[in-house]
Amino acid sequence: MELLTVSSTERDGWTILALVGQLDVATAPDFRQALQEAQYTGANRIVLDLASLEFLDSFGLGVILGGVKRAATHEGRLVIAGVSPRVHQVFELAGIADALPLADDVDQAMSS
């Protein structure tokens, strides 16, 4: 059983990375690689679809924050969509919920 599955799709000029499972110390390196590959191969508008993300720890949070910073540095956009209350609580506990580009769902993220 995989702890995290990341799928990538393209829609209207956006790259959508959908995460299913757990983003934690064990899975963060693979997700970092997938996110960096997307960003370094020309995707400058990315949506992280977290609607099916069940768990997030500080390692996963660090990868997400790194992606947000990389996007801003390279004049791109990274929006986080479909955040569950449990995952949002991690953002709040870290004190960054208000600083992150959040959207209710993928469609809203793409229109932001």
N, C-alpha and C. Protein backbone atom coordinates (compact mmCIF):
# COMPACT_ATOMS: atom_id res chain seq x y z
N MET A 1 0.83 -1.18 0.00
CA MET A 1 0.00 0.00 0.00
C MET A 1 0.88 1.25 0.00
N GLU A 2 0.62 2.15 -0.94
CA GLU A 2 1.36 3.40 -0.99
C GLU A 2 0.79 4.38 0.03
N LEU A 3 1.67 5.08 0.70
CA LEU A 3 1.22 6.07 1.67
C LEU A 3 0.78 7.37 1.02
N LEU A 4 1.36 7.66 -0.16
CA LEU A 4 1.02 8.89 -0.87
C LEU A 4 1.06 8.62 -2.37
N THR A 5 0.03 9.06 -3.04
CA THR A 5 -0.02 9.02 -4.49
C THR A 5 -0.15 10.45 -4.98
N VAL A 6 0.68 10.81 -5.95
CA VAL A 6 0.62 12.14 -6.56
C VAL A 6 0.34 11.95 -8.03
N SER A 7 -0.76 12.54 -8.49
CA SER A 7 -1.07 12.50 -9.92
C SER A 7 -1.02 13.91 -10.48
N SER A 8 -0.57 14.00 -11.72
CA SER A 8 -0.42 15.30 -12.37
C SER A 8 -1.30 15.35 -13.61
N THR A 9 -2.07 16.43 -13.73
CA THR A 9 -2.87 16.67 -14.93
C THR A 9 -2.69 18.12 -15.35
N GLU A 10 -2.96 18.38 -16.60
CA GLU A 10 -2.88 19.74 -17.15
C GLU A 10 -4.29 20.18 -17.51
N ARG A 11 -4.62 21.43 -17.16
CA ARG A 11 -5.94 21.96 -17.48
C ARG A 11 -5.86 23.47 -17.62
N ASP A 12 -6.21 23.97 -18.79
CA ASP A 12 -6.27 25.42 -19.04
C ASP A 12 -5.01 26.16 -18.62
N GLY A 13 -3.86 25.57 -18.92
CA GLY A 13 -2.60 26.23 -18.60
C GLY A 13 -2.12 26.05 -17.18
N TRP A 14 -2.82 25.25 -16.40
CA TRP A 14 -2.45 24.97 -15.02
C TRP A 14 -1.99 23.52 -14.92
N THR A 15 -1.03 23.27 -14.05
CA THR A 15 -0.64 21.91 -13.68
C THR A 15 -1.29 21.63 -12.34
N ILE A 16 -2.06 20.56 -12.28
CA ILE A 16 -2.75 20.19 -11.05
C ILE A 16 -2.08 18.95 -10.50
N LEU A 17 -1.54 19.07 -9.29
CA LEU A 17 -0.95 17.94 -8.59
C LEU A 17 -1.92 17.53 -7.49
N ALA A 18 -2.53 16.36 -7.65
CA ALA A 18 -3.50 15.86 -6.68
C ALA A 18 -2.80 14.86 -5.76
N LEU A 19 -2.93 15.10 -4.47
CA LEU A 19 -2.30 14.24 -3.47
C LEU A 19 -3.36 13.39 -2.78
N VAL A 20 -3.08 12.10 -2.68
CA VAL A 20 -3.98 11.17 -2.01
C VAL A 20 -3.17 10.40 -0.98
N GLY A 21 -3.59 10.49 0.28
CA GLY A 21 -2.91 9.73 1.33
C GLY A 21 -2.30 10.62 2.39
N GLN A 22 -1.03 10.34 2.71
CA GLN A 22 -0.34 11.02 3.80
C GLN A 22 0.93 11.70 3.29
N LEU A 23 1.09 12.96 3.66
CA LEU A 23 2.31 13.70 3.33
C LEU A 23 3.08 13.90 4.62
N ASP A 24 4.10 13.08 4.80
CA ASP A 24 4.83 13.09 6.06
C ASP A 24 6.31 12.81 5.83
N VAL A 25 7.02 12.53 6.90
CA VAL A 25 8.46 12.32 6.81
C VAL A 25 8.83 11.22 5.82
N ALA A 26 7.99 10.21 5.69
CA ALA A 26 8.28 9.10 4.79
C ALA A 26 8.00 9.42 3.33
N THR A 27 7.01 10.27 3.08
CA THR A 27 6.59 10.54 1.70
C THR A 27 7.02 11.90 1.17
N ALA A 28 7.46 12.79 2.05
CA ALA A 28 7.83 14.14 1.63
C ALA A 28 8.92 14.17 0.55
N PRO A 29 9.96 13.33 0.63
CA PRO A 29 10.99 13.39 -0.42
C PRO A 29 10.45 13.10 -1.83
N ASP A 30 9.57 12.11 -1.94
CA ASP A 30 9.00 11.80 -3.26
C ASP A 30 8.11 12.93 -3.76
N PHE A 31 7.34 13.53 -2.85
CA PHE A 31 6.50 14.66 -3.26
C PHE A 31 7.36 15.85 -3.64
N ARG A 32 8.43 16.11 -2.90
CA ARG A 32 9.34 17.21 -3.24
C ARG A 32 9.87 17.03 -4.66
N GLN A 33 10.25 15.80 -4.99
CA GLN A 33 10.77 15.53 -6.32
C GLN A 33 9.70 15.79 -7.38
N ALA A 34 8.48 15.35 -7.16
CA ALA A 34 7.39 15.56 -8.13
C ALA A 34 7.10 17.05 -8.30
N LEU A 35 7.08 17.78 -7.20
CA LEU A 35 6.79 19.22 -7.26
C LEU A 35 7.92 19.97 -7.95
N GLN A 36 9.16 19.65 -7.61
CA GLN A 36 10.29 20.31 -8.25
C GLN A 36 10.35 19.99 -9.74
N GLU A 37 10.07 18.75 -10.11
CA GLU A 37 10.06 18.41 -11.53
C GLU A 37 9.03 19.24 -12.28
N ALA A 38 7.85 19.40 -11.69
CA ALA A 38 6.82 20.22 -12.33
C ALA A 38 7.29 21.66 -12.46
N GLN A 39 7.86 22.20 -11.38
CA GLN A 39 8.27 23.59 -11.40
C GLN A 39 9.46 23.84 -12.31
N TYR A 40 10.40 22.92 -12.35
CA TYR A 40 11.61 23.14 -13.13
C TYR A 40 11.45 22.76 -14.60
N THR A 41 10.34 22.16 -14.95
CA THR A 41 10.11 21.83 -16.36
C THR A 41 9.11 22.78 -16.99
N GLY A 42 8.90 23.93 -16.36
CA GLY A 42 8.12 24.98 -17.00
C GLY A 42 6.72 25.23 -16.46
N ALA A 43 6.26 24.45 -15.50
CA ALA A 43 4.93 24.70 -14.94
C ALA A 43 5.03 25.92 -14.01
N ASN A 44 4.47 27.04 -14.45
CA ASN A 44 4.53 28.23 -13.60
C ASN A 44 3.19 28.55 -12.93
N ARG A 45 2.17 27.75 -13.23
CA ARG A 45 0.88 27.88 -12.53
C ARG A 45 0.48 26.48 -12.07
N ILE A 46 0.56 26.29 -10.75
CA ILE A 46 0.34 24.97 -10.16
C ILE A 46 -0.75 25.04 -9.10
N VAL A 47 -1.63 24.05 -9.11
CA VAL A 47 -2.60 23.86 -8.04
C VAL A 47 -2.22 22.58 -7.31
N LEU A 48 -2.07 22.68 -6.00
CA LEU A 48 -1.93 21.48 -5.18
C LEU A 48 -3.32 21.13 -4.68
N ASP A 49 -3.87 20.04 -5.17
CA ASP A 49 -5.20 19.59 -4.77
C ASP A 49 -5.04 18.65 -3.57
N LEU A 50 -5.39 19.17 -2.39
CA LEU A 50 -5.22 18.41 -1.15
C LEU A 50 -6.53 17.81 -0.65
N ALA A 51 -7.56 17.77 -1.49
CA ALA A 51 -8.88 17.30 -1.06
C ALA A 51 -8.83 15.87 -0.52
N SER A 52 -7.91 15.05 -1.00
CA SER A 52 -7.82 13.66 -0.54
C SER A 52 -6.59 13.40 0.32
N LEU A 53 -5.99 14.48 0.81
CA LEU A 53 -4.86 14.34 1.71
C LEU A 53 -5.38 14.09 3.11
N GLU A 54 -5.00 12.97 3.71
CA GLU A 54 -5.51 12.58 5.02
C GLU A 54 -4.67 13.08 6.18
N PHE A 55 -3.38 13.30 5.93
CA PHE A 55 -2.47 13.65 7.02
C PHE A 55 -1.34 14.50 6.48
N LEU A 56 -0.91 15.48 7.27
CA LEU A 56 0.20 16.35 6.92
C LEU A 56 1.02 16.60 8.17
N ASP A 57 2.33 16.38 8.08
CA ASP A 57 3.20 16.72 9.20
C ASP A 57 4.14 17.87 8.80
N SER A 58 5.07 18.20 9.68
CA SER A 58 5.94 19.35 9.44
C SER A 58 6.86 19.14 8.24
N PHE A 59 7.24 17.91 7.95
CA PHE A 59 8.09 17.65 6.79
C PHE A 59 7.33 17.95 5.50
N GLY A 60 6.09 17.48 5.43
CA GLY A 60 5.25 17.76 4.27
C GLY A 60 4.97 19.24 4.14
N LEU A 61 4.72 19.89 5.27
CA LEU A 61 4.48 21.33 5.26
C LEU A 61 5.69 22.07 4.71
N GLY A 62 6.87 21.63 5.08
CA GLY A 62 8.09 22.25 4.56
C GLY A 62 8.21 22.15 3.05
N VAL A 63 7.82 21.00 2.50
CA VAL A 63 7.86 20.83 1.04
C VAL A 63 6.86 21.78 0.38
N ILE A 64 5.66 21.89 0.93
CA ILE A 64 4.66 22.80 0.37
C ILE A 64 5.16 24.24 0.42
N LEU A 65 5.72 24.65 1.55
CA LEU A 65 6.23 26.01 1.68
C LEU A 65 7.37 26.26 0.69
N GLY A 66 8.24 25.28 0.50
CA GLY A 66 9.31 25.41 -0.48
C GLY A 66 8.77 25.62 -1.88
N GLY A 67 7.70 24.90 -2.20
CA GLY A 67 7.07 25.06 -3.52
C GLY A 67 6.46 26.43 -3.70
N VAL A 68 5.82 26.95 -2.65
CA VAL A 68 5.23 28.29 -2.72
C VAL A 68 6.34 29.33 -2.93
N LYS A 69 7.44 29.19 -2.20
CA LYS A 69 8.56 30.13 -2.34
C LYS A 69 9.19 30.05 -3.73
N ARG A 70 9.38 28.81 -4.24
CA ARG A 70 9.96 28.66 -5.58
C ARG A 70 9.06 29.32 -6.63
N ALA A 71 7.76 29.12 -6.49
CA ALA A 71 6.83 29.71 -7.45
C ALA A 71 6.95 31.23 -7.44
N ALA A 72 6.98 31.82 -6.25
CA ALA A 72 7.07 33.28 -6.14
C ALA A 72 8.40 33.79 -6.69
N THR A 73 9.47 33.06 -6.43
CA THR A 73 10.80 33.46 -6.90
C THR A 73 10.87 33.48 -8.42
N HIS A 74 10.16 32.55 -9.06
CA HIS A 74 10.23 32.43 -10.51
C HIS A 74 9.00 33.02 -11.20
N GLU A 75 8.37 33.98 -10.53
CA GLU A 75 7.20 34.69 -11.07
C GLU A 75 6.09 33.73 -11.47
N GLY A 76 5.94 32.67 -10.70
CA GLY A 76 4.87 31.70 -10.93
C GLY A 76 3.79 31.82 -9.87
N ARG A 77 2.93 30.86 -9.89
CA ARG A 77 1.80 30.85 -8.95
C ARG A 77 1.59 29.42 -8.48
N LEU A 78 1.45 29.23 -7.19
CA LEU A 78 1.10 27.95 -6.62
C LEU A 78 -0.04 28.19 -5.64
N VAL A 79 -1.17 27.53 -5.88
CA VAL A 79 -2.35 27.69 -5.04
C VAL A 79 -2.69 26.34 -4.44
N ILE A 80 -3.07 26.34 -3.18
CA ILE A 80 -3.40 25.13 -2.45
C ILE A 80 -4.92 25.03 -2.37
N ALA A 81 -5.47 23.92 -2.86
CA ALA A 81 -6.93 23.78 -2.96
C ALA A 81 -7.43 22.58 -2.16
N GLY A 82 -8.69 22.67 -1.73
CA GLY A 82 -9.37 21.54 -1.12
C GLY A 82 -8.82 21.12 0.22
N VAL A 83 -8.40 22.07 1.02
CA VAL A 83 -7.78 21.76 2.31
C VAL A 83 -8.84 21.30 3.31
N SER A 84 -8.63 20.13 3.88
CA SER A 84 -9.56 19.62 4.89
C SER A 84 -9.36 20.37 6.21
N PRO A 85 -10.35 20.32 7.10
CA PRO A 85 -10.17 20.97 8.41
C PRO A 85 -8.94 20.47 9.16
N ARG A 86 -8.64 19.19 9.04
CA ARG A 86 -7.48 18.62 9.74
C ARG A 86 -6.18 19.22 9.21
N VAL A 87 -6.05 19.31 7.90
CA VAL A 87 -4.84 19.87 7.30
C VAL A 87 -4.77 21.37 7.56
N HIS A 88 -5.92 22.04 7.49
CA HIS A 88 -5.94 23.48 7.77
C HIS A 88 -5.47 23.75 9.19
N GLN A 89 -5.80 22.87 10.10
CA GLN A 89 -5.35 23.03 11.49
C GLN A 89 -3.83 23.00 11.57
N VAL A 90 -3.17 22.18 10.76
CA VAL A 90 -1.71 22.15 10.73
C VAL A 90 -1.18 23.51 10.26
N PHE A 91 -1.81 24.08 9.22
CA PHE A 91 -1.42 25.40 8.75
C PHE A 91 -1.59 26.44 9.86
N GLU A 92 -2.71 26.34 10.59
CA GLU A 92 -2.97 27.29 11.68
C GLU A 92 -1.96 27.15 12.81
N LEU A 93 -1.68 25.91 13.21
CA LEU A 93 -0.73 25.67 14.29
C LEU A 93 0.67 26.18 13.94
N ALA A 94 1.00 26.11 12.65
CA ALA A 94 2.30 26.61 12.19
C ALA A 94 2.30 28.13 12.04
N GLY A 95 1.12 28.74 12.16
CA GLY A 95 1.02 30.19 12.06
C GLY A 95 1.10 30.73 10.65
N ILE A 96 0.78 29.90 9.66
CA ILE A 96 0.93 30.34 8.27
C ILE A 96 -0.36 30.29 7.45
N ALA A 97 -1.45 29.92 8.08
CA ALA A 97 -2.71 29.75 7.34
C ALA A 97 -3.09 31.00 6.56
N ASP A 98 -2.91 32.16 7.15
CA ASP A 98 -3.29 33.41 6.48
C ASP A 98 -2.30 33.82 5.39
N ALA A 99 -1.12 33.27 5.41
CA ALA A 99 -0.10 33.64 4.43
C ALA A 99 -0.10 32.75 3.20
N LEU A 100 -0.81 31.64 3.25
CA LEU A 100 -0.81 30.70 2.13
C LEU A 100 -1.89 31.04 1.12
N PRO A 101 -1.62 30.80 -0.16
CA PRO A 101 -2.64 31.00 -1.19
C PRO A 101 -3.61 29.80 -1.21
N LEU A 102 -4.73 29.93 -0.48
CA LEU A 102 -5.69 28.83 -0.33
C LEU A 102 -6.94 29.08 -1.16
N ALA A 103 -7.51 27.98 -1.65
CA ALA A 103 -8.78 28.03 -2.39
C ALA A 103 -9.63 26.86 -1.94
N ASP A 104 -10.94 27.01 -2.07
CA ASP A 104 -11.86 25.96 -1.64
C ASP A 104 -11.71 24.71 -2.49
N ASP A 105 -11.49 24.88 -3.78
CA ASP A 105 -11.38 23.74 -4.69
C ASP A 105 -10.52 24.13 -5.90
N VAL A 106 -10.30 23.17 -6.78
CA VAL A 106 -9.41 23.39 -7.92
C VAL A 106 -9.94 24.49 -8.82
N ASP A 107 -11.24 24.51 -9.09
CA ASP A 107 -11.80 25.54 -9.97
C ASP A 107 -11.58 26.94 -9.41
N GLN A 108 -11.78 27.11 -8.13
CA GLN A 108 -11.56 28.41 -7.50
C GLN A 108 -10.06 28.77 -7.55
N ALA A 109 -9.21 27.80 -7.35
CA ALA A 109 -7.76 28.05 -7.41
C ALA A 109 -7.35 28.54 -8.79
N MET A 110 -7.91 27.94 -9.81
CA MET A 110 -7.56 28.31 -11.18
C MET A 110 -8.10 29.67 -11.57
N SER A 111 -9.10 30.16 -10.89
CA SER A 111 -9.66 31.47 -11.21
C SER A 111 -9.08 32.57 -10.34
N SER A 112 -8.16 32.21 -9.44
CA SER A 112 -7.60 33.22 -8.53
C SER A 112 -6.43 33.95 -9.16
